Amino acid sequence: MKKLIEKANILIEALPYIRNFYGKTFVIKYGGAAQIEEDLKDSFAQDIVLLNFIGIKPIIVHGGGPKISATMKKMGKEPVFIHGQRITDRETMDIVEMVLGGLINKEIVALINNHGGKAVGLSGKDGGLIKAKKKVIKKATNRGDEEIIDIGLVGEVESVDPEILNSLQRDSFIPVISPIGVGSKGEAFNINADYVASAIASALKAEKLILLTDVPGIKDKNDNVMSSIHKKDIKKLIDDSTISGGMLPKVQACTCALDGGVKKTHIVDGRISHCLLLEIFTKEGIGTEIVGSCLST
């Protein structure tokens, strides 16, 4: 009986969060170990289905860089990166679309549906969801000026038209989005999934943007995870190298989302089973939240 009462208490602890978040949109960037390890894939799908059944509206944006690289190698094409960006010629873009929009997207959709959800896969090309423009990278030269590095069909979000997402959500479908946008001439662009998730969350004025990563969160100088950070403190944390490396684009995605009207953003360790439920429905949480106003739920 004691164990049953403990289970009831867990449900009661979640009640205020369920009440506050009912009918709200959560945009979740899905990647890293959570997208690779079988047990984590299952727990992620279960979390998403549970969120949907209790009235929260999840939208998933996924990456797939390692799978793209592996597929390129199988096809005899060696991946090349500059400043962390994949050089994407037209042939590479075909592989990107095949892997992201085909293999990975449909696997996630099937996984969610197998757990009782109603997921629908799409890319930023569908319904005019994501309009993109070519990303420009500049490099300083010895002459003291800058030169433009052409990295091919790598893009950045220019605008988001969320109408197709609104339509799907009205019928309780769960959108699963591959981060591909379309340019002014109909060309496809490969876009960083963190930035796509941020842009979509902003367009929908989502309650939360949640980025799944392979780290516990943002750590301070003493190697302790910082549970809450205010947006105004980000610059200082970057200047003193508390935030650096691969965490920089994730933090930038979070701050852009906050500027775009998202209530709260989270960087969560996707290597923990049921990480979404633990972050959303417990007072302590398990990652780092970045907020733009008061530190409230």
Protein backbone atom coordinates (compact mmCIF):
# COMPACT_ATOMS: atom_id res chain seq x y z
CA MET A 1 0.00 0.00 0.00
CA LYS A 2 2.88 2.39 0.78
CA LYS A 3 4.22 2.06 -2.76
CA LEU A 4 0.77 2.76 -4.19
CA ILE A 5 0.49 5.91 -2.08
CA GLU A 6 3.93 7.01 -3.29
CA LYS A 7 2.75 6.61 -6.89
CA ALA A 8 -0.33 8.69 -6.10
CA ASN A 9 1.84 11.40 -4.57
CA ILE A 10 3.96 11.53 -7.73
CA LEU A 11 0.82 12.12 -9.78
CA ILE A 12 -0.36 14.81 -7.38
CA GLU A 13 3.04 16.55 -7.61
CA ALA A 14 2.57 16.75 -11.38
CA LEU A 15 -0.97 18.13 -11.16
CA PRO A 16 -0.08 21.88 -11.02
CA TYR A 17 2.16 21.49 -14.07
CA ILE A 18 -0.50 19.58 -16.00
CA ARG A 19 -3.05 22.28 -15.17
CA ASN A 20 -0.71 25.14 -16.14
CA PHE A 21 0.45 23.59 -19.40
CA TYR A 22 -2.88 22.24 -20.68
CA GLY A 23 -3.42 23.42 -24.26
CA LYS A 24 0.09 24.91 -24.53
CA THR A 25 2.63 24.19 -27.27
CA PHE A 26 6.05 22.71 -26.50
CA VAL A 27 8.66 22.64 -29.28
CA ILE A 28 11.22 19.90 -28.69
CA LYS A 29 14.51 19.52 -30.57
CA TYR A 30 15.25 15.79 -30.65
CA GLY A 31 18.81 14.61 -31.23
CA GLY A 32 21.93 13.09 -29.73
CA ALA A 33 21.90 9.81 -27.81
CA ALA A 34 18.13 10.03 -27.34
CA GLN A 35 17.80 9.61 -31.11
CA ILE A 36 20.21 6.65 -31.32
CA GLU A 37 19.91 4.34 -28.29
CA GLU A 38 16.89 2.03 -28.47
CA ASP A 39 15.76 2.36 -24.84
CA LEU A 40 16.04 6.16 -24.99
CA LYS A 41 14.09 6.28 -28.26
CA ASP A 42 11.29 4.34 -26.59
CA SER A 43 11.21 6.53 -23.48
CA PHE A 44 11.19 9.67 -25.65
CA ALA A 45 8.23 8.41 -27.67
CA GLN A 46 6.36 7.48 -24.50
CA ASP A 47 6.99 10.94 -23.04
CA ILE A 48 5.68 12.61 -26.22
CA VAL A 49 2.53 10.49 -26.30
CA LEU A 50 1.85 11.15 -22.62
CA LEU A 51 2.25 14.91 -23.12
CA ASN A 52 -0.20 14.78 -25.99
CA PHE A 53 -2.81 12.78 -24.08
CA ILE A 54 -2.84 15.18 -21.10
CA GLY A 55 -3.48 18.17 -23.35
CA ILE A 56 0.01 19.49 -24.11
CA LYS A 57 0.77 20.05 -27.80
CA PRO A 58 4.27 18.77 -28.63
CA ILE A 59 6.06 19.63 -31.86
CA ILE A 60 9.28 17.76 -32.64
CA VAL A 61 12.19 19.04 -34.72
CA HIS A 62 14.91 16.47 -35.29
CA GLY A 63 18.49 16.46 -36.51
CA GLY A 64 20.49 13.61 -37.97
CA GLY A 65 24.07 14.67 -38.70
CA PRO A 66 25.79 11.36 -37.80
CA LYS A 67 23.35 9.35 -39.92
CA ILE A 68 23.89 11.73 -42.85
CA SER A 69 27.67 11.34 -42.58
CA ALA A 70 27.42 7.54 -42.35
CA THR A 71 25.15 7.39 -45.39
CA MET A 72 27.45 9.67 -47.38
CA LYS A 73 30.40 7.38 -46.67
CA LYS A 74 28.40 4.31 -47.74
CA MET A 75 27.71 6.12 -51.01
CA GLY A 76 31.41 6.92 -51.49
CA LYS A 77 31.19 10.59 -50.57
CA GLU A 78 33.40 11.89 -47.76
CA PRO A 79 31.77 14.51 -45.47
CA VAL A 80 33.63 17.84 -45.30
CA PHE A 81 33.07 20.48 -42.60
CA ILE A 82 34.15 24.11 -42.29
CA HIS A 83 33.59 25.90 -38.97
CA GLY A 84 31.31 23.05 -37.94
CA GLN A 85 29.15 23.42 -41.07
CA ARG A 86 28.74 20.56 -43.54
CA ILE A 87 29.75 21.50 -47.08
CA THR A 88 26.52 20.74 -48.92
CA ASP A 89 26.64 20.49 -52.69
CA ARG A 90 23.57 19.37 -54.65
CA GLU A 91 24.44 15.67 -54.39
CA THR A 92 24.97 15.99 -50.63
CA MET A 93 21.67 17.84 -50.33
CA ASP A 94 19.92 14.91 -52.00
CA ILE A 95 21.43 12.62 -49.37
CA VAL A 96 20.42 15.03 -46.58
CA GLU A 97 16.82 15.07 -47.76
CA MET A 98 16.77 11.29 -48.13
CA VAL A 99 18.15 10.70 -44.64
CA LEU A 100 16.33 13.45 -42.74
CA GLY A 101 13.00 13.46 -44.54
CA GLY A 102 12.93 9.74 -45.25
CA LEU A 103 14.82 7.46 -42.90
CA ILE A 104 14.95 9.46 -39.66
CA ASN A 105 11.67 11.35 -39.88
CA LYS A 106 9.61 8.26 -40.66
CA GLU A 107 11.34 6.25 -37.94
CA ILE A 108 10.36 8.85 -35.33
CA VAL A 109 6.79 9.00 -36.66
CA ALA A 110 6.47 5.21 -36.52
CA LEU A 111 7.93 5.08 -33.00
CA ILE A 112 5.42 7.60 -31.65
CA ASN A 113 2.51 5.95 -33.44
CA ASN A 114 3.54 2.52 -32.09
CA HIS A 115 3.07 3.96 -28.59
CA GLY A 116 -0.43 5.20 -29.37
CA GLY A 117 0.28 8.70 -30.65
CA LYS A 118 -0.82 10.35 -33.90
CA ALA A 119 2.40 11.67 -35.42
CA VAL A 120 2.78 13.16 -38.90
CA GLY A 121 6.13 13.67 -40.61
CA LEU A 122 6.95 16.74 -42.66
CA SER A 123 9.83 18.97 -43.65
CA GLY A 124 10.11 22.73 -43.78
CA LYS A 125 9.22 22.48 -47.48
CA ASP A 126 5.70 21.22 -46.71
CA GLY A 127 2.94 23.81 -46.68
CA GLY A 128 5.50 26.60 -47.03
CA LEU A 129 6.50 26.02 -43.40
CA ILE A 130 10.09 27.29 -43.56
CA LYS A 131 11.39 29.86 -46.01
CA ALA A 132 15.17 29.88 -46.01
CA LYS A 133 18.10 31.79 -47.39
CA LYS A 134 21.67 30.78 -48.04
CA LYS A 135 23.91 30.97 -44.99
CA VAL A 136 26.96 33.17 -45.42
CA ILE A 137 30.20 32.40 -43.57
CA LYS A 138 32.94 35.01 -43.50
CA LYS A 139 36.58 34.41 -42.70
CA ALA A 140 39.19 37.01 -41.82
CA THR A 141 42.14 37.20 -44.23
CA ASN A 142 45.75 38.22 -43.75
CA ARG A 143 44.91 41.45 -45.57
CA GLY A 144 42.66 42.50 -42.72
CA ASP A 145 39.42 42.12 -44.65
CA GLU A 146 36.95 39.23 -44.91
CA GLU A 147 36.31 36.62 -47.56
CA ILE A 148 33.07 34.72 -48.04
CA ILE A 149 33.28 30.92 -47.79
CA ASP A 150 30.76 29.10 -49.94
CA ILE A 151 29.43 26.08 -48.03
CA GLY A 152 26.77 25.26 -50.59
CA LEU A 153 23.13 24.57 -49.76
CA VAL A 154 23.34 25.35 -46.06
CA GLY A 155 20.67 27.78 -45.02
CA GLU A 156 19.19 29.79 -42.22
CA VAL A 157 15.56 30.46 -41.44
CA GLU A 158 14.13 33.54 -43.09
CA SER A 159 10.51 33.09 -42.00
CA VAL A 160 8.08 30.49 -40.65
CA ASP A 161 4.46 30.06 -41.72
CA PRO A 162 2.91 27.92 -38.95
CA GLU A 163 -0.49 27.39 -40.60
CA ILE A 164 0.17 23.73 -41.42
CA LEU A 165 1.22 23.14 -37.78
CA ASN A 166 -1.92 24.87 -36.49
CA SER A 167 -4.03 22.64 -38.73
CA LEU A 168 -2.34 19.47 -37.50
CA GLN A 169 -2.60 20.52 -33.86
CA ARG A 170 -6.32 21.25 -34.19
CA ASP A 171 -6.80 17.57 -35.01
CA SER A 172 -4.46 16.40 -32.22
CA PHE A 173 -1.69 15.30 -34.57
CA ILE A 174 1.94 15.51 -33.43
CA PRO A 175 4.14 17.21 -36.09
CA VAL A 176 7.61 15.73 -36.60
CA ILE A 177 9.73 18.14 -38.64
CA SER A 178 12.99 17.63 -40.52
CA PRO A 179 15.07 20.85 -40.66
CA ILE A 180 14.97 21.53 -44.38
CA GLY A 181 13.84 24.88 -45.76
CA VAL A 182 13.02 26.15 -49.21
CA GLY A 183 14.65 29.14 -50.91
CA SER A 184 13.14 31.82 -53.12
CA LYS A 185 13.90 29.76 -56.25
CA GLY A 186 12.53 26.52 -54.83
CA GLU A 187 15.93 25.16 -53.83
CA ALA A 188 16.25 23.07 -50.66
CA PHE A 189 18.50 24.19 -47.80
CA ASN A 190 19.91 22.15 -44.92
CA ILE A 191 19.43 24.11 -41.67
CA ASN A 192 20.69 23.59 -38.11
CA ALA A 193 17.89 21.84 -36.20
CA ASP A 194 18.38 23.95 -33.05
CA TYR A 195 17.72 27.12 -35.03
CA VAL A 196 14.72 25.61 -36.81
CA ALA A 197 13.21 24.59 -33.46
CA SER A 198 13.84 28.09 -32.11
CA ALA A 199 12.23 29.76 -35.12
CA ILE A 200 9.17 27.51 -35.00
CA ALA A 201 8.77 28.04 -31.25
CA SER A 202 8.93 31.81 -31.82
CA ALA A 203 6.39 31.72 -34.66
CA LEU A 204 3.95 29.80 -32.47
CA LYS A 205 4.74 31.78 -29.29
CA ALA A 206 5.26 28.40 -27.66
CA GLU A 207 5.19 27.88 -23.93
CA LYS A 208 8.54 26.06 -24.00
CA LEU A 209 11.47 25.29 -26.28
CA ILE A 210 13.30 22.17 -25.10
CA LEU A 211 16.63 21.11 -26.59
CA LEU A 212 17.78 17.55 -25.91
CA THR A 213 21.57 17.26 -25.69
CA ASP A 214 24.27 14.81 -24.62
CA VAL A 215 25.36 16.88 -21.62
CA PRO A 216 23.70 17.44 -18.22
CA GLY A 217 23.16 21.14 -18.92
CA ILE A 218 25.20 24.32 -18.57
CA LYS A 219 27.83 23.97 -15.88
CA ASP A 220 29.45 26.68 -13.77
CA LYS A 221 33.18 26.98 -13.06
CA ASN A 222 32.85 24.40 -10.26
CA ASP A 223 31.37 21.85 -12.66
CA ASN A 224 27.89 22.13 -11.14
CA VAL A 225 24.84 22.22 -13.42
CA MET A 226 23.17 25.63 -13.34
CA SER A 227 19.46 24.94 -12.98
CA SER A 228 18.32 28.45 -14.03
CA ILE A 229 19.95 31.25 -16.01
CA HIS A 230 18.49 34.62 -16.94
CA LYS A 231 18.94 35.78 -20.51
CA LYS A 232 20.65 38.98 -19.36
CA ASP A 233 23.47 36.93 -17.80
CA ILE A 234 24.30 34.98 -20.97
CA LYS A 235 26.85 37.45 -22.37
CA LYS A 236 28.87 37.38 -19.16
CA LEU A 237 28.85 33.57 -19.14
CA ILE A 238 30.09 33.50 -22.74
CA ASP A 239 32.78 36.10 -22.06
CA ASP A 240 34.21 34.09 -19.15
CA SER A 241 33.96 30.84 -21.19
CA THR A 242 31.40 29.23 -18.90
CA ILE A 243 29.38 28.80 -22.10
CA SER A 244 31.54 27.76 -25.05
CA GLY A 245 31.97 25.29 -27.90
CA GLY A 246 28.94 23.26 -28.93
CA MET A 247 26.80 24.85 -26.24
CA LEU A 248 27.00 28.27 -27.94
CA PRO A 249 24.52 27.59 -30.78
CA LYS A 250 22.10 25.96 -28.36
CA VAL A 251 22.18 28.97 -26.06
CA GLN A 252 21.80 31.28 -29.05
CA ALA A 253 18.76 29.28 -30.16
CA CYS A 254 17.28 29.66 -26.68
CA THR A 255 17.86 33.41 -26.45
CA CYS A 256 16.41 33.95 -29.94
CA ALA A 257 13.32 32.00 -28.89
CA LEU A 258 12.92 34.11 -25.75
CA ASP A 259 13.25 37.26 -27.85
CA GLY A 260 10.57 35.80 -30.13
CA GLY A 261 8.03 35.42 -27.34
CA VAL A 262 8.67 31.90 -26.03
CA LYS A 263 7.96 31.73 -22.29
CA LYS A 264 10.84 29.50 -21.22
CA THR A 265 13.64 27.45 -22.77
CA HIS A 266 15.39 24.33 -21.52
CA ILE A 267 18.60 22.46 -22.28
CA VAL A 268 18.07 18.89 -21.10
CA ASP A 269 20.21 15.75 -20.92
CA GLY A 270 18.63 13.39 -23.44
CA ARG A 271 20.72 10.49 -22.15
CA ILE A 272 18.40 10.20 -19.13
CA SER A 273 15.36 7.99 -19.59
CA HIS A 274 12.09 10.01 -19.55
CA CYS A 275 14.08 13.23 -19.41
CA LEU A 276 11.14 15.27 -20.70
CA LEU A 277 8.82 14.20 -17.91
CA LEU A 278 11.49 14.77 -15.30
CA GLU A 279 12.21 18.29 -16.56
CA ILE A 280 8.61 19.36 -17.09
CA PHE A 281 6.75 17.79 -14.17
CA THR A 282 9.19 18.03 -11.25
CA LYS A 283 10.20 21.09 -9.27
CA GLU A 284 13.91 20.28 -9.44
CA GLY A 285 14.13 19.45 -13.15
CA ILE A 286 17.23 17.81 -14.61
CA GLY A 287 18.78 20.38 -16.94
CA THR A 288 19.28 24.12 -17.35
CA GLU A 289 16.43 26.51 -18.01
CA ILE A 290 17.08 29.86 -19.67
CA VAL A 291 14.41 32.46 -19.02
CA GLY A 292 13.76 36.04 -20.03
CA SER A 293 11.69 37.15 -17.06
CA CYS A 294 11.18 35.83 -13.54
CA LEU A 295 12.32 32.27 -12.76
CA SER A 296 8.86 30.75 -12.50
CA THR A 297 7.32 27.57 -13.90
